[in-house]
Protein backbone atom coordinates (compact mmCIF):
# COMPACT_ATOMS: atom_id res chain seq x y z
CA UNK A 1 94.43 85.55 102.29
CA UNK A 2 90.78 86.41 102.72
CA UNK A 3 88.77 88.41 105.25
CA UNK A 4 85.03 88.45 105.87
CA UNK A 5 83.93 92.09 105.80
CA UNK A 6 80.77 91.29 107.77
CA UNK A 7 83.02 90.85 110.80
CA UNK A 8 83.83 93.98 112.79
CA UNK A 9 86.69 96.09 111.47
CA UNK A 10 88.80 97.33 114.36
CA UNK A 11 89.24 101.08 114.23
CA UNK A 12 92.89 102.02 114.20
CA UNK A 13 94.22 105.42 115.19
CA UNK A 14 96.98 107.23 113.37
CA UNK A 15 99.39 109.01 115.70
CA UNK A 16 100.64 112.56 115.24
CA UNK A 17 102.31 113.87 113.10
CA UNK A 18 100.98 111.43 110.49
CA UNK A 19 98.02 112.14 108.28
CA UNK A 20 96.16 109.88 105.87
CA UNK A 21 94.58 110.90 102.61
CA UNK A 22 92.60 108.98 100.07
CA UNK A 23 94.17 109.75 96.73
CA UNK A 24 93.46 109.17 93.09
CA UNK A 25 97.00 110.11 92.05
CA UNK A 26 96.03 112.64 89.44
CA UNK A 27 99.46 114.16 88.89
CA UNK A 28 102.46 112.53 87.29
CA UNK A 29 104.58 113.91 90.13
CA UNK A 30 102.54 111.92 92.70
CA UNK A 31 102.69 108.79 90.56
CA UNK A 32 106.47 109.08 90.26
CA UNK A 33 106.76 109.58 94.02
CA UNK A 34 104.70 106.46 94.65
CA UNK A 35 106.64 104.36 92.12
CA UNK A 36 109.97 105.43 93.64
CA UNK A 37 108.72 104.44 97.10
CA UNK A 38 107.39 101.13 95.79
CA UNK A 39 110.78 100.39 94.21
CA UNK A 40 112.48 101.21 97.53
CA UNK A 41 110.26 98.65 99.31
CA UNK A 42 110.13 95.98 96.60
CA UNK A 43 113.39 96.34 94.60
CA UNK A 44 113.10 92.81 93.17
CA UNK A 45 109.47 93.16 92.08
CA UNK A 46 108.34 96.79 91.80
CA UNK A 47 104.84 97.40 90.48
CA UNK A 48 106.03 99.56 87.58
CA UNK A 49 104.26 102.34 85.76
CA UNK A 50 102.13 100.25 83.37
CA UNK A 51 100.83 97.85 86.00
CA UNK A 52 100.06 100.77 88.30
CA UNK A 53 98.14 102.55 85.54
CA UNK A 54 96.25 99.34 84.66
CA UNK A 55 95.06 98.97 88.27
CA UNK A 56 93.92 102.61 88.35
CA UNK A 57 91.55 101.92 85.46
CA UNK A 58 89.19 100.08 87.80
CA UNK A 59 86.39 102.52 88.66
CA UNK A 60 86.47 101.58 92.36
CA UNK A 61 90.27 101.83 92.65
CA UNK A 62 91.60 104.05 95.40
CA UNK A 63 94.77 104.48 97.39
CA UNK A 64 95.28 105.54 100.98
CA UNK A 65 98.54 107.33 101.62
CA UNK A 66 100.07 108.22 104.98
CA UNK A 67 102.45 111.14 105.10
CA UNK A 68 104.64 112.65 107.74
CA UNK A 69 104.55 116.28 106.69
CA UNK A 70 105.32 116.06 102.95
CA UNK A 71 107.03 112.64 103.08
CA UNK A 72 105.16 109.56 101.84
CA UNK A 73 105.69 106.94 104.55
CA UNK A 74 103.09 104.29 103.67
CA UNK A 75 100.25 103.37 101.34
CA UNK A 76 97.79 100.71 100.27
CA UNK A 77 95.62 100.19 97.17
CA UNK A 78 92.06 98.85 97.20
CA UNK A 79 89.39 98.12 94.58
CA UNK A 80 86.54 95.76 93.76
CA UNK A 81 87.20 92.91 91.32
CA UNK A 82 84.82 91.52 88.68
CA UNK A 83 83.37 89.05 91.23
CA UNK A 84 82.48 91.82 93.67
CA UNK A 85 85.27 90.94 96.11
CA UNK A 86 87.51 93.60 97.55
CA UNK A 87 91.16 93.50 96.58
CA UNK A 88 93.92 94.94 98.73
CA UNK A 89 97.33 95.25 97.16
CA UNK A 90 100.72 96.83 97.58
CA UNK A 91 100.54 97.64 101.28
CA UNK A 92 103.84 99.28 102.12
CA UNK A 93 105.45 101.24 104.94
CA UNK A 94 108.94 102.61 104.52
CA UNK A 95 111.52 101.11 106.86
CA UNK A 96 112.11 104.05 109.26
CA UNK A 97 108.35 104.27 109.94
CA UNK A 98 107.59 100.59 110.58
CA UNK A 99 106.26 99.19 113.88
CA UNK A 100 104.21 102.34 114.58
CA UNK A 101 100.75 101.07 113.60
CA UNK A 102 100.77 102.68 110.15
CA UNK A 103 100.20 99.42 108.23
CA UNK A 104 97.36 98.41 110.54
CA UNK A 105 95.79 101.83 110.10
CA UNK A 106 96.06 101.61 106.30
CA UNK A 107 94.47 98.15 106.33
CA UNK A 108 91.62 99.45 108.49
CA UNK A 109 91.00 102.25 105.98
CA UNK A 110 91.07 99.88 103.00
CA UNK A 111 88.78 97.31 104.66
CA UNK A 112 86.25 99.97 105.64
CA UNK A 113 86.32 101.41 102.12
CA UNK A 114 85.65 98.01 100.56
CA UNK A 115 82.89 97.18 103.04
CA UNK A 116 81.25 100.55 102.35
CA UNK A 117 81.25 99.68 98.64
CA UNK A 118 79.23 96.55 99.47
CA UNK A 119 81.96 93.92 99.34
CA UNK A 120 81.44 90.83 101.51
CA UNK A 121 85.08 89.77 101.40
CA UNK A 122 88.52 91.28 100.93
CA UNK A 123 91.49 89.39 99.51
CA UNK A 124 95.21 89.96 99.36
CA UNK A 125 98.32 87.97 98.52
CA UNK A 126 101.37 87.56 100.70
CA UNK A 127 104.46 85.40 100.58
CA UNK A 128 104.22 82.60 103.14
CA UNK A 129 107.79 83.35 104.24
CA UNK A 130 106.85 86.91 105.20
CA UNK A 131 106.15 86.19 108.88
CA UNK A 132 105.70 89.83 109.94
CA UNK A 133 103.15 90.46 107.18
CA UNK A 134 101.27 87.27 108.04
CA UNK A 135 101.13 88.33 111.67
CA UNK A 136 99.77 91.75 110.70
CA UNK A 137 97.12 90.29 108.38
CA UNK A 138 96.01 87.76 110.99
CA UNK A 139 95.72 90.58 113.54
CA UNK A 140 93.10 92.33 111.37
CA UNK A 141 91.11 89.17 110.64
CA UNK A 142 92.59 87.71 107.45
CA UNK A 143 92.80 83.93 107.11
CA UNK A 144 94.69 81.80 104.63
CA UNK A 145 92.44 80.85 101.73
CA UNK A 146 94.90 79.18 99.35
CA UNK A 147 98.58 78.74 98.76
CA UNK A 148 100.23 79.36 95.42
CA UNK A 149 103.53 77.68 94.59
CA UNK A 150 105.82 79.46 92.17
CA UNK A 151 108.98 78.13 90.63
CA UNK A 152 111.79 80.05 89.06
CA UNK A 153 115.06 79.15 87.45
CA UNK A 154 118.16 81.28 87.25
CA UNK A 155 119.20 81.85 83.65
């Protein structure tokens, strides 16, 4: 999916007691916490340590994390690719905290960050069967740009 960053980005408000921080994940403890949360959300396709570290190598890479007190409840990654387009990846909100506007808030933060870096567009990937994610992305201005078909075979 793709979004024009010249279009207005709706400001989203984060309710109490949540707080959002932009993080660079300097400590191994924070990285482990994130990877555990990612595995909780995506048990069949977790990002894994090496892929996470590879993404962090991009100089524009950042992550927005929402916490309720000390608990990580949601996050999103954003960076600029080699073509100058913004990339949004690994948006997640843990199950007990869904349907409270946290994902929309995280997207708003990521889109604003990418626009402020000079990106004209932001892109992300989503499974076409993920109706709730598609609805969320449409609500913040994303449109389908292409569809990728993947095949797999049980071994």
